[in-house]
């Protein structure tokens, strides 16, 4: 797998998931278990949640569960993973004051290895390269869809597909869309991002 390259231009694509991410993705795409572990379709009410943020609240839903997972645990995973994704967005793109020169804490909820890799990809995973020319950031669309892999009644890994869209003003006046996948595992007291596959573009 190629090593990360910082300073990627807008629209560039970066795949830096660990080998485990491939296993998670493959597990999330197919199920070879017995019928009791087949994907469960969820009700519309169960599949959607909002995390408070204005003017565009994050809509987090569960797309599919592979394995058996109770209603209570599905809700818990949805809320907790949604908070991790939202925390990264706020730290890397939406929060703080502009213009600015740095993003020292841009990756809350990332494992140490994923954070190190992400820091080499700051041009893609934060607003850092344009932050000096931005006066304000306004979110327009925030959505997350989760594929959960569960065994023995517990969620083991999650693939979070997301779309974030925001407007910027100042010398850098544009609409930017960040989309892709985060790969998460549960450990150390909570859900952690260990890999990502992200694309970013502006117009």
Foldseek 3Di string as FASTA:
>chain_A
DDAFAADDDAQDKDFDFDPVLVVVVVCLVDDPDPPQQAKDDDDPVLFWDWDDDPDATEIFGEGIEGGDADSVQSSVVRVQVVVQVVQLCQQFEAHDFALDADRPPNHPQADPQAVVRVVNHSVFSHVRVCSNFFGHKHWDYKYWYWRFYDDPRHTFKIKIWIWTWMATDGNPTWIKIKTWIFIWGQDPPGIGTRTIIMHMHID
